Amino acid sequence: MSETTHTLDSIPPGTVFSTNDGILAVKSEYRYGARQGDQWQCILLASGEYAHFFNGNKEQVEIVEVADLVASNASRSDTIERQVQEITKLTEYSEVLRALVEEAIEGDGEYTLDWFTRAK
């Protein structure tokens, strides 16, 4: 965690933050109880579930800029899209190769099983 850590109690409601465990959450405007010292309710970004921190309001957190989070996810999305394109391309090559092999086994095309054996 960087040197700009805060306690959960010191950040304003609506702030997106990360714990030293890498958990991303947002602080709500509500507490788990009616008393001033009761823990703030926080919502996990990954699941939308409520977060409970062992250290309560003293939990050390780092403020996360939403723009940085969006940029990070966009970058990951681009990487995933490229991987999907590569897998699609490999699947197409695989289907073409399978058709060629079937053709060679049946002996109906210009490629024979002998041709594939010699090509190794």
N, C-alpha and C. Protein backbone atom coordinates (compact mmCIF):
# COMPACT_ATOMS: atom_id res chain seq x y z
N MET A 1 0.85 -1.17 0.00
CA MET A 1 0.00 0.00 0.00
C MET A 1 0.89 1.24 0.00
N SER A 2 0.45 2.27 -0.66
CA SER A 2 1.27 3.47 -0.77
C SER A 2 1.27 4.25 0.54
N GLU A 3 2.04 5.33 0.55
CA GLU A 3 2.14 6.14 1.77
C GLU A 3 0.90 6.99 2.02
N THR A 4 -0.05 7.01 1.09
CA THR A 4 -1.26 7.82 1.26
C THR A 4 -2.42 6.96 1.76
N THR A 5 -2.24 6.33 2.91
CA THR A 5 -3.32 5.54 3.48
C THR A 5 -4.12 6.37 4.46
N HIS A 6 -5.35 5.97 4.62
CA HIS A 6 -6.28 6.65 5.52
C HIS A 6 -7.00 5.58 6.33
N THR A 7 -7.67 6.00 7.37
CA THR A 7 -8.55 5.06 8.05
C THR A 7 -9.91 5.12 7.36
N LEU A 8 -10.66 4.05 7.46
CA LEU A 8 -12.00 4.01 6.89
C LEU A 8 -12.85 5.16 7.43
N ASP A 9 -12.65 5.48 8.70
CA ASP A 9 -13.42 6.54 9.34
C ASP A 9 -13.12 7.93 8.75
N SER A 10 -11.90 8.12 8.21
CA SER A 10 -11.49 9.45 7.77
C SER A 10 -11.85 9.78 6.32
N ILE A 11 -12.30 8.80 5.54
CA ILE A 11 -12.64 9.09 4.14
C ILE A 11 -14.13 9.37 4.03
N PRO A 12 -14.53 10.20 3.07
CA PRO A 12 -15.95 10.54 2.95
C PRO A 12 -16.77 9.41 2.32
N PRO A 13 -18.07 9.36 2.63
CA PRO A 13 -18.94 8.39 1.98
C PRO A 13 -18.89 8.56 0.46
N GLY A 14 -19.01 7.44 -0.26
CA GLY A 14 -18.94 7.47 -1.72
C GLY A 14 -17.55 7.25 -2.25
N THR A 15 -16.56 7.19 -1.36
CA THR A 15 -15.17 7.00 -1.78
C THR A 15 -14.92 5.53 -2.10
N VAL A 16 -14.29 5.29 -3.25
CA VAL A 16 -13.84 3.95 -3.61
C VAL A 16 -12.46 3.78 -3.02
N PHE A 17 -12.22 2.63 -2.39
CA PHE A 17 -10.93 2.41 -1.73
C PHE A 17 -10.47 0.97 -1.89
N SER A 18 -9.20 0.78 -1.58
CA SER A 18 -8.58 -0.54 -1.60
C SER A 18 -7.95 -0.79 -0.24
N THR A 19 -8.10 -2.01 0.27
CA THR A 19 -7.44 -2.36 1.53
C THR A 19 -6.04 -2.88 1.22
N ASN A 20 -5.25 -3.13 2.26
CA ASN A 20 -3.90 -3.67 2.01
C ASN A 20 -3.96 -5.10 1.49
N ASP A 21 -5.14 -5.74 1.53
CA ASP A 21 -5.33 -7.06 0.94
C ASP A 21 -5.74 -6.97 -0.53
N GLY A 22 -5.91 -5.75 -1.04
CA GLY A 22 -6.32 -5.56 -2.43
C GLY A 22 -7.82 -5.61 -2.65
N ILE A 23 -8.59 -5.58 -1.57
CA ILE A 23 -10.04 -5.61 -1.68
C ILE A 23 -10.53 -4.22 -2.09
N LEU A 24 -11.35 -4.16 -3.14
CA LEU A 24 -11.92 -2.89 -3.59
C LEU A 24 -13.34 -2.77 -3.06
N ALA A 25 -13.65 -1.62 -2.50
CA ALA A 25 -14.99 -1.38 -1.94
C ALA A 25 -15.31 0.10 -2.01
N VAL A 26 -16.56 0.42 -1.73
CA VAL A 26 -16.99 1.81 -1.66
C VAL A 26 -17.64 2.03 -0.29
N LYS A 27 -17.33 3.16 0.32
CA LYS A 27 -17.89 3.49 1.63
C LYS A 27 -19.27 4.09 1.44
N SER A 28 -20.25 3.58 2.17
CA SER A 28 -21.61 4.13 2.07
C SER A 28 -21.79 5.24 3.10
N GLU A 29 -22.96 5.84 3.09
CA GLU A 29 -23.24 6.90 4.06
C GLU A 29 -23.87 6.35 5.33
N TYR A 30 -24.00 5.03 5.42
CA TYR A 30 -24.67 4.40 6.56
C TYR A 30 -23.69 3.64 7.44
N ARG A 31 -24.07 3.47 8.70
CA ARG A 31 -23.29 2.68 9.65
C ARG A 31 -24.08 1.42 9.99
N TYR A 32 -23.38 0.43 10.55
CA TYR A 32 -24.05 -0.80 10.96
C TYR A 32 -24.90 -0.62 12.20
N GLY A 33 -24.74 0.45 12.90
CA GLY A 33 -25.53 0.74 14.09
C GLY A 33 -25.85 2.22 14.14
N ALA A 34 -26.57 2.62 15.19
CA ALA A 34 -27.00 4.01 15.31
C ALA A 34 -25.99 4.88 16.04
N ARG A 35 -25.00 4.25 16.68
CA ARG A 35 -24.04 5.05 17.45
C ARG A 35 -22.94 5.62 16.56
N GLN A 36 -22.38 6.71 17.00
CA GLN A 36 -21.32 7.41 16.26
C GLN A 36 -20.13 6.50 15.93
N GLY A 37 -19.73 5.63 16.83
CA GLY A 37 -18.54 4.81 16.61
C GLY A 37 -18.77 3.51 15.87
N ASP A 38 -20.02 3.21 15.50
CA ASP A 38 -20.30 1.96 14.79
C ASP A 38 -19.64 1.97 13.41
N GLN A 39 -19.29 0.78 12.94
CA GLN A 39 -18.56 0.68 11.67
C GLN A 39 -19.41 1.16 10.50
N TRP A 40 -18.73 1.82 9.56
CA TRP A 40 -19.36 2.27 8.33
C TRP A 40 -19.71 1.05 7.48
N GLN A 41 -20.85 1.11 6.81
CA GLN A 41 -21.19 0.07 5.84
C GLN A 41 -20.39 0.34 4.58
N CYS A 42 -19.81 -0.72 4.04
CA CYS A 42 -19.06 -0.63 2.79
C CYS A 42 -19.54 -1.74 1.88
N ILE A 43 -19.47 -1.51 0.58
CA ILE A 43 -19.95 -2.49 -0.39
C ILE A 43 -18.77 -2.92 -1.26
N LEU A 44 -18.59 -4.24 -1.38
CA LEU A 44 -17.51 -4.79 -2.20
C LEU A 44 -17.82 -4.55 -3.67
N LEU A 45 -16.85 -4.05 -4.43
CA LEU A 45 -17.07 -3.80 -5.85
C LEU A 45 -17.18 -5.10 -6.63
N ALA A 46 -16.48 -6.14 -6.21
CA ALA A 46 -16.47 -7.40 -6.95
C ALA A 46 -17.82 -8.12 -6.90
N SER A 47 -18.53 -8.02 -5.78
CA SER A 47 -19.74 -8.83 -5.62
C SER A 47 -20.99 -8.03 -5.25
N GLY A 48 -20.84 -6.80 -4.80
CA GLY A 48 -21.98 -6.02 -4.35
C GLY A 48 -22.42 -6.36 -2.93
N GLU A 49 -21.68 -7.26 -2.28
CA GLU A 49 -22.01 -7.66 -0.91
C GLU A 49 -21.44 -6.65 0.08
N TYR A 50 -21.98 -6.68 1.30
CA TYR A 50 -21.45 -5.82 2.35
C TYR A 50 -20.09 -6.33 2.79
N ALA A 51 -19.21 -5.40 3.11
CA ALA A 51 -17.86 -5.75 3.58
C ALA A 51 -17.79 -5.53 5.08
N HIS A 52 -17.15 -6.45 5.77
CA HIS A 52 -16.91 -6.31 7.21
C HIS A 52 -15.40 -6.37 7.41
N PHE A 53 -14.83 -5.37 8.01
CA PHE A 53 -13.39 -5.31 8.20
C PHE A 53 -13.03 -5.59 9.65
N PHE A 54 -12.03 -6.42 9.84
CA PHE A 54 -11.59 -6.83 11.17
C PHE A 54 -11.27 -5.63 12.04
N ASN A 55 -10.63 -4.62 11.45
CA ASN A 55 -10.23 -3.43 12.21
C ASN A 55 -11.32 -2.35 12.25
N GLY A 56 -12.48 -2.66 11.73
CA GLY A 56 -13.60 -1.71 11.75
C GLY A 56 -13.24 -0.39 11.08
N ASN A 57 -13.59 0.71 11.72
CA ASN A 57 -13.34 2.04 11.16
C ASN A 57 -11.86 2.40 11.15
N LYS A 58 -11.04 1.63 11.84
CA LYS A 58 -9.59 1.88 11.87
C LYS A 58 -8.87 1.16 10.72
N GLU A 59 -9.62 0.43 9.89
CA GLU A 59 -9.02 -0.28 8.74
C GLU A 59 -8.25 0.72 7.89
N GLN A 60 -7.01 0.36 7.54
CA GLN A 60 -6.19 1.23 6.69
C GLN A 60 -6.58 1.01 5.22
N VAL A 61 -6.91 2.09 4.53
CA VAL A 61 -7.36 2.01 3.14
C VAL A 61 -6.63 3.05 2.29
N GLU A 62 -6.60 2.77 1.01
CA GLU A 62 -6.02 3.70 0.04
C GLU A 62 -7.12 4.12 -0.92
N ILE A 63 -7.27 5.41 -1.11
CA ILE A 63 -8.30 5.92 -2.01
C ILE A 63 -7.94 5.54 -3.44
N VAL A 64 -8.94 5.07 -4.18
CA VAL A 64 -8.75 4.67 -5.58
C VAL A 64 -9.52 5.65 -6.45
N GLU A 65 -8.85 6.22 -7.42
CA GLU A 65 -9.51 7.12 -8.36
C GLU A 65 -10.34 6.27 -9.33
N VAL A 66 -11.60 6.60 -9.47
CA VAL A 66 -12.49 5.82 -10.33
C VAL A 66 -11.98 5.83 -11.77
N ALA A 67 -11.45 6.95 -12.24
CA ALA A 67 -10.92 7.03 -13.61
C ALA A 67 -9.79 6.02 -13.81
N ASP A 68 -8.93 5.86 -12.81
CA ASP A 68 -7.84 4.87 -12.90
C ASP A 68 -8.40 3.46 -12.95
N LEU A 69 -9.44 3.21 -12.17
CA LEU A 69 -10.06 1.89 -12.14
C LEU A 69 -10.70 1.57 -13.49
N VAL A 70 -11.38 2.54 -14.07
CA VAL A 70 -12.01 2.36 -15.38
C VAL A 70 -10.94 2.11 -16.44
N ALA A 71 -9.86 2.89 -16.42
CA ALA A 71 -8.77 2.71 -17.39
C ALA A 71 -8.14 1.33 -17.25
N SER A 72 -7.95 0.88 -16.03
CA SER A 72 -7.37 -0.43 -15.77
C SER A 72 -8.27 -1.54 -16.32
N ASN A 73 -9.57 -1.41 -16.10
CA ASN A 73 -10.51 -2.41 -16.61
C ASN A 73 -10.59 -2.38 -18.13
N ALA A 74 -10.50 -1.19 -18.73
CA ALA A 74 -10.52 -1.09 -20.19
C ALA A 74 -9.30 -1.78 -20.77
N SER A 75 -8.15 -1.61 -20.13
CA SER A 75 -6.93 -2.25 -20.60
C SER A 75 -7.07 -3.76 -20.53
N ARG A 76 -7.62 -4.26 -19.42
CA ARG A 76 -7.84 -5.71 -19.28
C ARG A 76 -8.82 -6.20 -20.32
N SER A 77 -9.84 -5.40 -20.60
CA SER A 77 -10.85 -5.78 -21.59
C SER A 77 -10.22 -5.91 -22.97
N ASP A 78 -9.31 -4.97 -23.33
CA ASP A 78 -8.61 -5.05 -24.61
C ASP A 78 -7.79 -6.32 -24.70
N THR A 79 -7.10 -6.67 -23.61
CA THR A 79 -6.28 -7.88 -23.59
C THR A 79 -7.16 -9.10 -23.78
N ILE A 80 -8.28 -9.16 -23.10
CA ILE A 80 -9.19 -10.29 -23.23
C ILE A 80 -9.73 -10.37 -24.65
N GLU A 81 -10.06 -9.23 -25.24
CA GLU A 81 -10.57 -9.22 -26.62
C GLU A 81 -9.52 -9.77 -27.59
N ARG A 82 -8.26 -9.37 -27.41
CA ARG A 82 -7.20 -9.89 -28.28
C ARG A 82 -7.05 -11.40 -28.10
N GLN A 83 -7.14 -11.88 -26.86
CA GLN A 83 -7.03 -13.32 -26.61
C GLN A 83 -8.18 -14.08 -27.27
N VAL A 84 -9.38 -13.52 -27.22
CA VAL A 84 -10.53 -14.16 -27.86
C VAL A 84 -10.31 -14.22 -29.37
N GLN A 85 -9.78 -13.15 -29.96
CA GLN A 85 -9.50 -13.14 -31.40
C GLN A 85 -8.48 -14.21 -31.77
N GLU A 86 -7.43 -14.36 -30.95
CA GLU A 86 -6.42 -15.39 -31.21
C GLU A 86 -7.01 -16.79 -31.11
N ILE A 87 -7.84 -17.01 -30.10
CA ILE A 87 -8.48 -18.32 -29.94
C ILE A 87 -9.39 -18.61 -31.13
N THR A 88 -10.13 -17.60 -31.58
CA THR A 88 -11.01 -17.77 -32.73
C THR A 88 -10.20 -18.14 -33.97
N LYS A 89 -9.07 -17.44 -34.16
CA LYS A 89 -8.21 -17.73 -35.30
C LYS A 89 -7.66 -19.16 -35.23
N LEU A 90 -7.21 -19.57 -34.05
CA LEU A 90 -6.69 -20.92 -33.88
C LEU A 90 -7.78 -21.97 -34.11
N THR A 91 -8.99 -21.67 -33.68
CA THR A 91 -10.11 -22.59 -33.91
C THR A 91 -10.38 -22.74 -35.40
N GLU A 92 -10.33 -21.63 -36.13
CA GLU A 92 -10.54 -21.69 -37.58
C GLU A 92 -9.44 -22.51 -38.24
N TYR A 93 -8.18 -22.30 -37.85
CA TYR A 93 -7.07 -23.09 -38.39
C TYR A 93 -7.26 -24.57 -38.08
N SER A 94 -7.71 -24.85 -36.87
CA SER A 94 -7.92 -26.23 -36.44
C SER A 94 -8.99 -26.90 -37.31
N GLU A 95 -10.06 -26.16 -37.60
CA GLU A 95 -11.14 -26.72 -38.43
C GLU A 95 -10.65 -26.99 -39.85
N VAL A 96 -9.85 -26.09 -40.40
CA VAL A 96 -9.29 -26.29 -41.74
C VAL A 96 -8.37 -27.50 -41.75
N LEU A 97 -7.51 -27.60 -40.74
CA LEU A 97 -6.59 -28.73 -40.66
C LEU A 97 -7.37 -30.04 -40.51
N ARG A 98 -8.41 -30.04 -39.69
CA ARG A 98 -9.22 -31.25 -39.51
C ARG A 98 -9.84 -31.67 -40.85
N ALA A 99 -10.35 -30.71 -41.62
CA ALA A 99 -10.94 -31.02 -42.92
C ALA A 99 -9.90 -31.61 -43.87
N LEU A 100 -8.68 -31.04 -43.85
CA LEU A 100 -7.61 -31.56 -44.70
C LEU A 100 -7.24 -32.99 -44.31
N VAL A 101 -7.16 -33.25 -43.03
CA VAL A 101 -6.81 -34.59 -42.56
C VAL A 101 -7.91 -35.58 -42.94
N GLU A 102 -9.17 -35.19 -42.74
CA GLU A 102 -10.27 -36.08 -43.12
C GLU A 102 -10.23 -36.37 -44.62
N GLU A 103 -9.93 -35.34 -45.40
CA GLU A 103 -9.83 -35.49 -46.85
C GLU A 103 -8.70 -36.46 -47.20
N ALA A 104 -7.58 -36.34 -46.50
CA ALA A 104 -6.43 -37.21 -46.76
C ALA A 104 -6.74 -38.65 -46.38
N ILE A 105 -7.45 -38.84 -45.27
CA ILE A 105 -7.79 -40.20 -44.84
C ILE A 105 -8.75 -40.84 -45.83
N GLU A 106 -9.72 -40.06 -46.30
CA GLU A 106 -10.68 -40.59 -47.26
C GLU A 106 -10.06 -40.74 -48.64
N GLY A 107 -8.99 -40.00 -48.89
CA GLY A 107 -8.31 -40.08 -50.18
C GLY A 107 -9.03 -39.37 -51.30
N ASP A 108 -9.97 -38.46 -50.96
CA ASP A 108 -10.74 -37.77 -51.99
C ASP A 108 -10.06 -36.51 -52.51
N GLY A 109 -9.09 -35.99 -51.79
CA GLY A 109 -8.50 -34.72 -52.18
C GLY A 109 -7.09 -34.87 -52.70
N GLU A 110 -6.45 -33.73 -52.93
CA GLU A 110 -5.08 -33.76 -53.46
C GLU A 110 -4.07 -34.16 -52.39
N TYR A 111 -4.45 -34.04 -51.12
CA TYR A 111 -3.54 -34.44 -50.05
C TYR A 111 -3.89 -35.85 -49.60
N THR A 112 -2.88 -36.64 -49.44
CA THR A 112 -3.09 -38.01 -48.97
C THR A 112 -2.49 -38.13 -47.59
N LEU A 113 -2.81 -39.22 -46.92
CA LEU A 113 -2.24 -39.46 -45.60
C LEU A 113 -0.73 -39.58 -45.72
N ASP A 114 -0.25 -40.12 -46.85
CA ASP A 114 1.19 -40.21 -47.12
C ASP A 114 1.83 -38.82 -47.11
N TRP A 115 1.12 -37.85 -47.72
CA TRP A 115 1.65 -36.49 -47.79
C TRP A 115 1.86 -35.93 -46.39
N PHE A 116 0.89 -36.15 -45.48
CA PHE A 116 1.01 -35.65 -44.11
C PHE A 116 2.14 -36.35 -43.37
N THR A 117 2.31 -37.63 -43.60
CA THR A 117 3.37 -38.39 -42.93
C THR A 117 4.74 -37.89 -43.37
N ARG A 118 4.90 -37.65 -44.65
CA ARG A 118 6.19 -37.15 -45.16
C ARG A 118 6.44 -35.71 -44.72
N ALA A 119 5.39 -34.94 -44.55
CA ALA A 119 5.54 -33.52 -44.19
C ALA A 119 6.10 -33.34 -42.79
N LYS A 120 6.00 -34.36 -41.94
CA LYS A 120 6.54 -34.25 -40.58
C LYS A 120 7.99 -34.12 -40.66
